[in-house]
Every structure is written in structure tokens, then in C-alpha cells.
N, C-alpha and C. Protein backbone atom coordinates (compact mmCIF):
# COMPACT_ATOMS: atom_id res chain seq x y z
N MET A 1 45.92 -15.61 -34.13
CA MET A 1 45.63 -15.04 -32.84
C MET A 1 44.84 -16.03 -32.00
N GLN A 2 45.14 -15.99 -30.73
CA GLN A 2 44.44 -16.88 -29.82
C GLN A 2 43.10 -16.25 -29.42
N VAL A 3 42.18 -17.09 -28.97
CA VAL A 3 40.85 -16.65 -28.58
C VAL A 3 40.95 -15.71 -27.39
N SER A 4 41.82 -16.00 -26.44
CA SER A 4 41.94 -15.15 -25.25
C SER A 4 42.43 -13.74 -25.62
N THR A 5 43.27 -13.64 -26.61
CA THR A 5 43.76 -12.33 -27.05
C THR A 5 42.64 -11.54 -27.71
N VAL A 6 41.83 -12.22 -28.52
CA VAL A 6 40.71 -11.56 -29.18
C VAL A 6 39.70 -11.08 -28.13
N VAL A 7 39.42 -11.90 -27.14
CA VAL A 7 38.49 -11.53 -26.07
C VAL A 7 39.05 -10.34 -25.29
N LEU A 8 40.35 -10.36 -25.01
CA LEU A 8 40.99 -9.27 -24.28
C LEU A 8 40.89 -7.97 -25.07
N TYR A 9 41.19 -8.01 -26.37
CA TYR A 9 41.09 -6.81 -27.20
C TYR A 9 39.64 -6.32 -27.29
N GLY A 10 38.70 -7.23 -27.38
CA GLY A 10 37.29 -6.86 -27.43
C GLY A 10 36.83 -6.18 -26.13
N ALA A 11 37.27 -6.75 -25.02
CA ALA A 11 36.92 -6.16 -23.73
C ALA A 11 37.56 -4.79 -23.57
N ALA A 12 38.79 -4.64 -24.01
CA ALA A 12 39.47 -3.35 -23.92
C ALA A 12 38.78 -2.33 -24.81
N ALA A 13 38.35 -2.73 -25.99
CA ALA A 13 37.66 -1.81 -26.90
C ALA A 13 36.30 -1.41 -26.30
N ALA A 14 35.56 -2.35 -25.71
CA ALA A 14 34.27 -2.05 -25.09
C ALA A 14 34.47 -1.09 -23.92
N PHE A 15 35.52 -1.32 -23.14
CA PHE A 15 35.81 -0.43 -22.01
C PHE A 15 36.16 0.97 -22.51
N ALA A 16 36.96 1.05 -23.55
CA ALA A 16 37.36 2.35 -24.10
C ALA A 16 36.14 3.10 -24.65
N ILE A 17 35.27 2.40 -25.36
CA ILE A 17 34.07 3.04 -25.90
C ILE A 17 33.15 3.52 -24.78
N THR A 18 32.98 2.70 -23.76
CA THR A 18 32.13 3.07 -22.64
C THR A 18 32.71 4.26 -21.89
N SER A 19 34.02 4.25 -21.67
CA SER A 19 34.68 5.37 -20.98
C SER A 19 34.58 6.65 -21.80
N ALA A 20 34.78 6.56 -23.10
CA ALA A 20 34.69 7.73 -23.96
C ALA A 20 33.26 8.28 -23.96
N ASP A 21 32.28 7.39 -24.00
CA ASP A 21 30.88 7.82 -23.98
C ASP A 21 30.55 8.51 -22.66
N ALA A 22 31.03 7.96 -21.55
CA ALA A 22 30.80 8.57 -20.24
C ALA A 22 31.47 9.93 -20.15
N ALA A 23 32.70 10.03 -20.65
CA ALA A 23 33.40 11.31 -20.63
C ALA A 23 32.68 12.34 -21.49
N TYR A 24 32.22 11.94 -22.68
CA TYR A 24 31.49 12.85 -23.56
C TYR A 24 30.18 13.31 -22.90
N PHE A 25 29.44 12.38 -22.29
CA PHE A 25 28.19 12.73 -21.62
C PHE A 25 28.45 13.70 -20.48
N ASP A 26 29.51 13.46 -19.68
CA ASP A 26 29.85 14.34 -18.58
C ASP A 26 30.23 15.72 -19.09
N TYR A 27 31.02 15.77 -20.15
CA TYR A 27 31.41 17.05 -20.74
C TYR A 27 30.17 17.80 -21.23
N LYS A 28 29.31 17.10 -21.91
CA LYS A 28 28.10 17.70 -22.45
C LYS A 28 27.20 18.21 -21.31
N ARG A 29 27.09 17.43 -20.25
CA ARG A 29 26.26 17.81 -19.10
C ARG A 29 26.80 19.07 -18.43
N ARG A 30 28.11 19.17 -18.34
CA ARG A 30 28.70 20.31 -17.65
C ARG A 30 28.71 21.58 -18.51
N SER A 31 28.87 21.46 -19.81
CA SER A 31 29.12 22.65 -20.62
C SER A 31 27.92 23.13 -21.45
N ASP A 32 27.00 22.27 -21.79
CA ASP A 32 25.90 22.66 -22.68
C ASP A 32 24.64 22.98 -21.88
N PRO A 33 24.22 24.26 -21.83
CA PRO A 33 23.03 24.62 -21.04
C PRO A 33 21.75 23.98 -21.57
N ASN A 34 21.63 23.82 -22.87
CA ASN A 34 20.43 23.19 -23.44
C ASN A 34 20.34 21.73 -23.03
N PHE A 35 21.47 21.06 -22.98
CA PHE A 35 21.50 19.66 -22.58
C PHE A 35 21.08 19.54 -21.11
N ARG A 36 21.59 20.44 -20.27
CA ARG A 36 21.21 20.43 -18.85
C ARG A 36 19.71 20.67 -18.70
N LYS A 37 19.19 21.61 -19.47
CA LYS A 37 17.75 21.89 -19.41
C LYS A 37 16.94 20.68 -19.83
N SER A 38 17.39 20.02 -20.87
CA SER A 38 16.64 18.83 -21.32
C SER A 38 16.70 17.73 -20.28
N LEU A 39 17.83 17.58 -19.59
CA LEU A 39 17.92 16.58 -18.52
C LEU A 39 16.97 16.93 -17.37
N LYS A 40 16.92 18.21 -16.99
CA LYS A 40 16.01 18.63 -15.93
C LYS A 40 14.56 18.40 -16.33
N LYS A 41 14.27 18.71 -17.58
CA LYS A 41 12.91 18.53 -18.09
C LYS A 41 12.50 17.07 -18.04
N GLU A 42 13.41 16.19 -18.46
CA GLU A 42 13.13 14.76 -18.42
C GLU A 42 12.94 14.28 -16.99
N LYS A 43 13.76 14.80 -16.08
CA LYS A 43 13.65 14.41 -14.67
C LYS A 43 12.30 14.84 -14.09
N LYS A 44 11.88 16.08 -14.40
CA LYS A 44 10.58 16.56 -13.92
C LYS A 44 9.44 15.75 -14.52
N LEU A 45 9.54 15.45 -15.80
CA LEU A 45 8.50 14.67 -16.46
C LEU A 45 8.39 13.28 -15.84
N HIS A 46 9.53 12.68 -15.56
CA HIS A 46 9.54 11.35 -14.94
C HIS A 46 8.91 11.40 -13.55
N ALA A 47 9.26 12.44 -12.77
CA ALA A 47 8.69 12.57 -11.42
C ALA A 47 7.17 12.77 -11.50
N LYS A 48 6.73 13.56 -12.48
CA LYS A 48 5.30 13.80 -12.64
C LYS A 48 4.56 12.52 -13.00
N GLN A 49 5.17 11.72 -13.87
CA GLN A 49 4.56 10.44 -14.24
C GLN A 49 4.49 9.50 -13.05
N GLN A 50 5.53 9.51 -12.23
CA GLN A 50 5.55 8.66 -11.03
C GLN A 50 4.43 9.07 -10.07
N ARG A 51 4.25 10.38 -9.87
CA ARG A 51 3.18 10.86 -8.97
C ARG A 51 1.81 10.49 -9.52
N ALA A 52 1.62 10.65 -10.82
CA ALA A 52 0.33 10.31 -11.42
C ALA A 52 0.03 8.83 -11.27
N GLU A 53 1.05 8.01 -11.46
CA GLU A 53 0.88 6.56 -11.31
C GLU A 53 0.55 6.20 -9.87
N ALA A 54 1.23 6.84 -8.91
CA ALA A 54 0.96 6.56 -7.50
C ALA A 54 -0.45 7.01 -7.13
N ASN A 55 -0.89 8.16 -7.63
CA ASN A 55 -2.25 8.64 -7.35
C ASN A 55 -3.29 7.70 -7.93
N ALA A 56 -3.03 7.19 -9.13
CA ALA A 56 -3.97 6.25 -9.75
C ALA A 56 -4.06 4.97 -8.93
N GLN A 57 -2.92 4.49 -8.43
CA GLN A 57 -2.92 3.28 -7.60
C GLN A 57 -3.69 3.52 -6.31
N ASN A 58 -3.45 4.68 -5.67
CA ASN A 58 -4.15 4.99 -4.42
C ASN A 58 -5.65 5.08 -4.64
N GLU A 59 -6.06 5.71 -5.71
CA GLU A 59 -7.50 5.83 -6.00
C GLU A 59 -8.11 4.46 -6.28
N SER A 60 -7.38 3.63 -6.99
CA SER A 60 -7.85 2.27 -7.27
C SER A 60 -8.02 1.49 -5.97
N GLN A 61 -7.05 1.63 -5.07
CA GLN A 61 -7.13 0.92 -3.80
C GLN A 61 -8.29 1.46 -2.96
N ARG A 62 -8.50 2.77 -2.95
CA ARG A 62 -9.63 3.34 -2.21
C ARG A 62 -10.96 2.79 -2.73
N GLU A 63 -11.06 2.70 -4.05
CA GLU A 63 -12.30 2.18 -4.63
C GLU A 63 -12.51 0.72 -4.26
N ARG A 64 -11.41 -0.06 -4.25
CA ARG A 64 -11.53 -1.47 -3.82
C ARG A 64 -11.98 -1.54 -2.37
N LEU A 65 -11.46 -0.65 -1.52
CA LEU A 65 -11.86 -0.66 -0.12
C LEU A 65 -13.33 -0.27 0.04
N ARG A 66 -13.76 0.74 -0.70
CA ARG A 66 -15.18 1.13 -0.64
C ARG A 66 -16.07 -0.03 -1.05
N GLU A 67 -15.68 -0.69 -2.12
CA GLU A 67 -16.48 -1.82 -2.61
C GLU A 67 -16.49 -2.96 -1.58
N ALA A 68 -15.36 -3.20 -0.93
CA ALA A 68 -15.29 -4.25 0.08
C ALA A 68 -16.20 -3.92 1.26
N VAL A 69 -16.22 -2.66 1.68
CA VAL A 69 -17.08 -2.25 2.80
C VAL A 69 -18.55 -2.39 2.40
N ARG A 70 -18.89 -1.96 1.20
CA ARG A 70 -20.28 -2.10 0.74
C ARG A 70 -20.71 -3.56 0.70
N LYS A 71 -19.81 -4.40 0.21
CA LYS A 71 -20.12 -5.83 0.13
C LYS A 71 -20.31 -6.42 1.52
N ALA A 72 -19.45 -6.04 2.47
CA ALA A 72 -19.57 -6.55 3.84
C ALA A 72 -20.88 -6.08 4.47
N GLN A 73 -21.26 -4.85 4.22
CA GLN A 73 -22.52 -4.34 4.76
C GLN A 73 -23.71 -5.05 4.13
N ALA A 74 -23.60 -5.36 2.84
CA ALA A 74 -24.70 -6.05 2.16
C ALA A 74 -24.87 -7.46 2.68
N GLU A 75 -23.75 -8.11 3.03
CA GLU A 75 -23.82 -9.47 3.57
C GLU A 75 -24.49 -9.48 4.94
N GLY A 76 -24.34 -8.39 5.68
CA GLY A 76 -24.95 -8.30 7.00
C GLY A 76 -24.06 -8.87 8.08
N PHE A 77 -24.49 -8.65 9.32
CA PHE A 77 -23.73 -9.09 10.47
C PHE A 77 -24.67 -9.82 11.42
N PRO A 78 -24.15 -10.76 12.20
CA PRO A 78 -25.02 -11.51 13.12
C PRO A 78 -25.62 -10.58 14.19
N THR A 79 -26.78 -10.98 14.70
CA THR A 79 -27.45 -10.17 15.70
C THR A 79 -27.48 -10.84 17.07
N ASP A 80 -27.44 -12.15 17.10
CA ASP A 80 -27.45 -12.89 18.36
C ASP A 80 -26.08 -12.74 19.05
N VAL A 81 -26.07 -12.67 20.36
CA VAL A 81 -24.84 -12.46 21.12
C VAL A 81 -23.83 -13.59 20.88
N GLU A 82 -24.31 -14.82 20.93
CA GLU A 82 -23.41 -15.96 20.72
C GLU A 82 -22.88 -15.99 19.30
N GLU A 83 -23.74 -15.68 18.35
CA GLU A 83 -23.31 -15.63 16.95
C GLU A 83 -22.29 -14.51 16.74
N LYS A 84 -22.53 -13.36 17.39
CA LYS A 84 -21.58 -12.26 17.28
C LYS A 84 -20.20 -12.66 17.82
N GLU A 85 -20.21 -13.36 18.97
CA GLU A 85 -18.94 -13.77 19.58
C GLU A 85 -18.19 -14.74 18.68
N ALA A 86 -18.89 -15.71 18.13
CA ALA A 86 -18.25 -16.68 17.24
C ALA A 86 -17.76 -16.00 15.96
N TYR A 87 -18.59 -15.11 15.43
CA TYR A 87 -18.23 -14.36 14.22
C TYR A 87 -17.00 -13.51 14.47
N PHE A 88 -16.98 -12.82 15.62
CA PHE A 88 -15.84 -11.98 15.99
C PHE A 88 -14.55 -12.80 16.06
N MET A 89 -14.61 -13.92 16.75
CA MET A 89 -13.42 -14.76 16.92
C MET A 89 -12.92 -15.30 15.58
N SER A 90 -13.84 -15.73 14.73
CA SER A 90 -13.42 -16.28 13.44
C SER A 90 -12.83 -15.21 12.54
N GLU A 91 -13.41 -14.00 12.54
CA GLU A 91 -12.89 -12.92 11.69
C GLU A 91 -11.52 -12.44 12.17
N VAL A 92 -11.33 -12.34 13.48
CA VAL A 92 -10.02 -11.93 14.00
C VAL A 92 -8.97 -12.99 13.67
N ALA A 93 -9.33 -14.26 13.82
CA ALA A 93 -8.38 -15.33 13.49
C ALA A 93 -8.02 -15.30 12.00
N ARG A 94 -9.02 -15.13 11.15
CA ARG A 94 -8.75 -15.02 9.70
C ARG A 94 -7.87 -13.82 9.39
N GLY A 95 -8.16 -12.68 10.03
CA GLY A 95 -7.37 -11.47 9.82
C GLY A 95 -5.91 -11.66 10.22
N GLU A 96 -5.70 -12.29 11.36
CA GLU A 96 -4.32 -12.54 11.81
C GLU A 96 -3.60 -13.48 10.86
N THR A 97 -4.31 -14.49 10.38
CA THR A 97 -3.70 -15.43 9.43
C THR A 97 -3.33 -14.71 8.14
N LEU A 98 -4.23 -13.88 7.65
CA LEU A 98 -3.95 -13.15 6.41
C LEU A 98 -2.82 -12.14 6.59
N CYS A 99 -2.72 -11.54 7.78
CA CYS A 99 -1.61 -10.61 8.05
C CYS A 99 -0.27 -11.33 7.97
N SER A 100 -0.24 -12.55 8.46
CA SER A 100 1.02 -13.29 8.47
C SER A 100 1.41 -13.77 7.07
N GLU A 101 0.45 -13.78 6.13
CA GLU A 101 0.76 -14.21 4.77
C GLU A 101 1.51 -13.16 3.97
N GLY A 102 1.47 -11.91 4.40
CA GLY A 102 2.22 -10.87 3.72
C GLY A 102 1.36 -9.74 3.22
N PRO A 103 2.00 -8.76 2.58
CA PRO A 103 1.27 -7.55 2.15
C PRO A 103 0.29 -7.77 1.00
N ASP A 104 0.40 -8.88 0.30
CA ASP A 104 -0.53 -9.14 -0.81
C ASP A 104 -1.95 -9.35 -0.32
N SER A 105 -2.11 -9.85 0.90
CA SER A 105 -3.44 -10.12 1.43
C SER A 105 -3.85 -9.10 2.49
N ALA A 106 -3.26 -7.90 2.43
CA ALA A 106 -3.54 -6.88 3.44
C ALA A 106 -4.98 -6.38 3.36
N VAL A 107 -5.53 -6.24 2.17
CA VAL A 107 -6.91 -5.75 2.04
C VAL A 107 -7.89 -6.75 2.65
N GLU A 108 -7.67 -8.02 2.37
CA GLU A 108 -8.55 -9.05 2.93
C GLU A 108 -8.44 -9.10 4.45
N ALA A 109 -7.21 -8.92 4.96
CA ALA A 109 -7.00 -8.92 6.41
C ALA A 109 -7.71 -7.73 7.05
N ALA A 110 -7.58 -6.56 6.43
CA ALA A 110 -8.25 -5.37 6.96
C ALA A 110 -9.76 -5.55 6.94
N LEU A 111 -10.27 -6.22 5.91
CA LEU A 111 -11.70 -6.47 5.83
C LEU A 111 -12.16 -7.39 6.96
N CYS A 112 -11.36 -8.38 7.28
CA CYS A 112 -11.70 -9.27 8.40
C CYS A 112 -11.73 -8.49 9.71
N PHE A 113 -10.73 -7.63 9.92
CA PHE A 113 -10.70 -6.83 11.14
C PHE A 113 -11.87 -5.84 11.18
N TYR A 114 -12.26 -5.34 10.02
CA TYR A 114 -13.42 -4.44 9.93
C TYR A 114 -14.69 -5.17 10.35
N ARG A 115 -14.87 -6.38 9.83
CA ARG A 115 -16.07 -7.16 10.18
C ARG A 115 -16.11 -7.45 11.68
N ALA A 116 -14.94 -7.80 12.24
CA ALA A 116 -14.88 -8.06 13.68
C ALA A 116 -15.22 -6.80 14.47
N LEU A 117 -14.76 -5.67 13.98
CA LEU A 117 -15.02 -4.41 14.65
C LEU A 117 -16.51 -4.06 14.62
N LYS A 118 -17.19 -4.42 13.54
CA LYS A 118 -18.61 -4.11 13.41
C LYS A 118 -19.46 -4.84 14.46
N VAL A 119 -19.05 -6.02 14.90
CA VAL A 119 -19.86 -6.77 15.87
C VAL A 119 -19.35 -6.62 17.30
N TYR A 120 -18.22 -5.96 17.50
CA TYR A 120 -17.68 -5.80 18.84
C TYR A 120 -18.46 -4.74 19.60
N PRO A 121 -18.77 -4.97 20.86
CA PRO A 121 -19.61 -4.02 21.61
C PRO A 121 -18.96 -2.65 21.85
N GLN A 122 -17.63 -2.59 22.06
CA GLN A 122 -16.93 -1.32 22.26
C GLN A 122 -15.85 -1.17 21.19
N PRO A 123 -16.21 -0.62 20.03
CA PRO A 123 -15.25 -0.52 18.93
C PRO A 123 -14.01 0.31 19.27
N ASN A 124 -14.15 1.36 20.07
CA ASN A 124 -12.98 2.17 20.41
C ASN A 124 -11.94 1.37 21.19
N ASP A 125 -12.39 0.50 22.07
CA ASP A 125 -11.46 -0.35 22.81
C ASP A 125 -10.74 -1.31 21.87
N LEU A 126 -11.48 -1.85 20.93
CA LEU A 126 -10.89 -2.79 19.97
C LEU A 126 -9.89 -2.07 19.06
N ILE A 127 -10.18 -0.84 18.69
CA ILE A 127 -9.25 -0.08 17.86
C ILE A 127 -7.93 0.13 18.60
N SER A 128 -7.99 0.41 19.89
CA SER A 128 -6.75 0.58 20.65
C SER A 128 -5.97 -0.74 20.73
N ILE A 129 -6.67 -1.85 20.76
CA ILE A 129 -6.00 -3.15 20.74
C ILE A 129 -5.37 -3.38 19.37
N TYR A 130 -6.12 -3.05 18.31
CA TYR A 130 -5.58 -3.18 16.95
C TYR A 130 -4.31 -2.34 16.79
N ASP A 131 -4.29 -1.14 17.39
CA ASP A 131 -3.11 -0.28 17.29
C ASP A 131 -1.85 -0.99 17.77
N LYS A 132 -2.01 -1.82 18.76
CA LYS A 132 -0.85 -2.51 19.36
C LYS A 132 -0.50 -3.81 18.65
N THR A 133 -1.46 -4.44 17.99
CA THR A 133 -1.22 -5.79 17.48
C THR A 133 -1.21 -5.92 15.96
N VAL A 134 -1.93 -5.06 15.26
CA VAL A 134 -2.07 -5.20 13.81
C VAL A 134 -0.95 -4.42 13.11
N PRO A 135 -0.36 -4.98 12.05
CA PRO A 135 0.68 -4.26 11.30
C PRO A 135 0.15 -2.92 10.76
N LYS A 136 1.04 -1.96 10.66
CA LYS A 136 0.65 -0.59 10.29
C LYS A 136 -0.05 -0.51 8.93
N HIS A 137 0.46 -1.23 7.93
CA HIS A 137 -0.16 -1.13 6.60
C HIS A 137 -1.60 -1.65 6.61
N VAL A 138 -1.87 -2.67 7.41
CA VAL A 138 -3.23 -3.20 7.52
C VAL A 138 -4.09 -2.23 8.33
N LEU A 139 -3.50 -1.64 9.36
CA LEU A 139 -4.22 -0.67 10.18
C LEU A 139 -4.60 0.57 9.36
N ASP A 140 -3.73 0.99 8.46
CA ASP A 140 -4.05 2.13 7.58
C ASP A 140 -5.24 1.80 6.67
N LEU A 141 -5.25 0.58 6.14
CA LEU A 141 -6.38 0.16 5.30
C LEU A 141 -7.67 0.12 6.12
N LEU A 142 -7.58 -0.36 7.34
CA LEU A 142 -8.74 -0.41 8.23
C LEU A 142 -9.25 1.00 8.52
N ALA A 143 -8.33 1.94 8.70
CA ALA A 143 -8.73 3.33 8.95
C ALA A 143 -9.48 3.90 7.74
N GLU A 144 -9.03 3.56 6.54
CA GLU A 144 -9.74 4.02 5.35
C GLU A 144 -11.13 3.39 5.26
N MET A 145 -11.23 2.13 5.67
CA MET A 145 -12.55 1.48 5.68
C MET A 145 -13.48 2.15 6.68
N LEU A 146 -12.93 2.51 7.83
CA LEU A 146 -13.74 3.18 8.85
C LEU A 146 -14.14 4.58 8.40
N ALA A 147 -13.33 5.21 7.57
CA ALA A 147 -13.69 6.51 7.03
C ALA A 147 -14.87 6.38 6.07
N VAL A 148 -14.94 5.25 5.37
CA VAL A 148 -16.07 5.01 4.46
C VAL A 148 -17.34 4.75 5.27
N ASP A 149 -17.21 3.92 6.31
CA ASP A 149 -18.36 3.57 7.15
C ASP A 149 -18.20 4.23 8.51
N ARG A 150 -18.77 5.38 8.67
CA ARG A 150 -18.62 6.14 9.92
C ARG A 150 -19.54 5.63 11.03
N THR A 151 -20.38 4.66 10.76
CA THR A 151 -21.33 4.19 11.77
C THR A 151 -20.64 3.41 12.88
N VAL A 152 -19.48 2.83 12.62
CA VAL A 152 -18.80 2.02 13.64
C VAL A 152 -18.42 2.90 14.82
N ILE A 153 -17.77 4.00 14.56
CA ILE A 153 -17.29 4.87 15.63
C ILE A 153 -18.42 5.75 16.17
N SER A 154 -19.27 6.26 15.31
CA SER A 154 -20.32 7.18 15.75
C SER A 154 -21.34 6.49 16.66
N ASP A 155 -21.65 5.22 16.39
CA ASP A 155 -22.58 4.49 17.25
C ASP A 155 -22.02 4.39 18.67
N ASP A 156 -20.72 4.10 18.76
CA ASP A 156 -20.10 3.95 20.07
C ASP A 156 -20.01 5.31 20.77
N ASP A 157 -19.71 6.37 20.02
CA ASP A 157 -19.63 7.71 20.61
C ASP A 157 -20.98 8.13 21.18
N GLU A 158 -22.06 7.86 20.44
CA GLU A 158 -23.39 8.23 20.93
C GLU A 158 -23.73 7.45 22.18
N ALA A 159 -23.36 6.18 22.21
CA ALA A 159 -23.62 5.36 23.40
C ALA A 159 -22.81 5.89 24.58
N GLY A 160 -21.59 6.36 24.31
CA GLY A 160 -20.76 6.90 25.39
C GLY A 160 -21.32 8.18 25.94
N HIS A 161 -21.95 9.02 25.10
CA HIS A 161 -22.52 10.27 25.57
C HIS A 161 -23.78 10.02 26.41
N ILE A 162 -24.49 8.95 26.13
CA ILE A 162 -25.72 8.66 26.85
C ILE A 162 -25.41 8.19 28.28
N GLU A 163 -24.38 7.41 28.44
CA GLU A 163 -24.05 6.84 29.76
C GLU A 163 -23.56 7.86 30.70
């Protein structure tokens, strides 16, 4: 026998076995109620595991964001007007650079935008600018950071009520 004939027979046998297995699985799925129940159970279990994994990832990311905000607050922010302006420009430039690098550096980019927001005189105006220019995934991270540190928005709101 030639090699090509052996390969042809092997491929035909593999196809026949695969087709028979698929037909048997389909028959079993359609006719056996216990088999259908076990498939549904496995599907529900898989979905539950996926949700648990996603929740764990989200909680891990929230904790990283909280830690990043605490670290930024511990480092402090400039107080002099010229220092604030230079700090603001450098943080925005770093944030834009990190945004262009991709989603892997989104947390660092959001942290840069957060730092810039902390030294900006009118944070609400800057947030509206961010809405138009910053990618949504980074903006969502920034919103979570602002939820951790409510002083950014509340300070500006109090100043707005006084005027």
C-alpha cells in the first residue's frame, strides 16, 4: 500500500469516528433528559465561575486604585502657582502618553490625570474636558479614583456655592 492511501484511509476513519461521535452526542442531547439537565448544570456552573472571576478582578482593580490614590495623596501636591502649572502640564502629558500605549497602562494614565485634576483650580471644568479627550476605559478608572477621594469635587462645589 502506498503512503497516500494509508493517509486517506486514516483521514476517512477519523472523519467517520468524529461524525459518529457528533451524531451520538446530538442524539443523547435530544433524547436523554438527564443528559440535558447535566449540560444545563454545567453551563450554569461555568457562568457562575465566570461571574466570580470577574468580580474578583474588579475588586482587585478597585483595591489597586484605592492604593494608588492613597499613595498620590501621601506624596503630596505642589502649593506654589508656578509649580502647580508645571506639575499639571507634566502629569497631563504623561497621562496622554500612557493612554496611547494601550490598555495595559490605563491605571497609570488615570493616576496621572487624577494628579493633574488635584492641582487644577476648577476640577469640574477639567472633568468636562477629560470627557471629550480621554478614552472611556481610562475615564472610568478616573471616576473610581474620584469616588475614593471626594475632596476634588466637593472642594470645587463649596467654592461654587460661596461665589
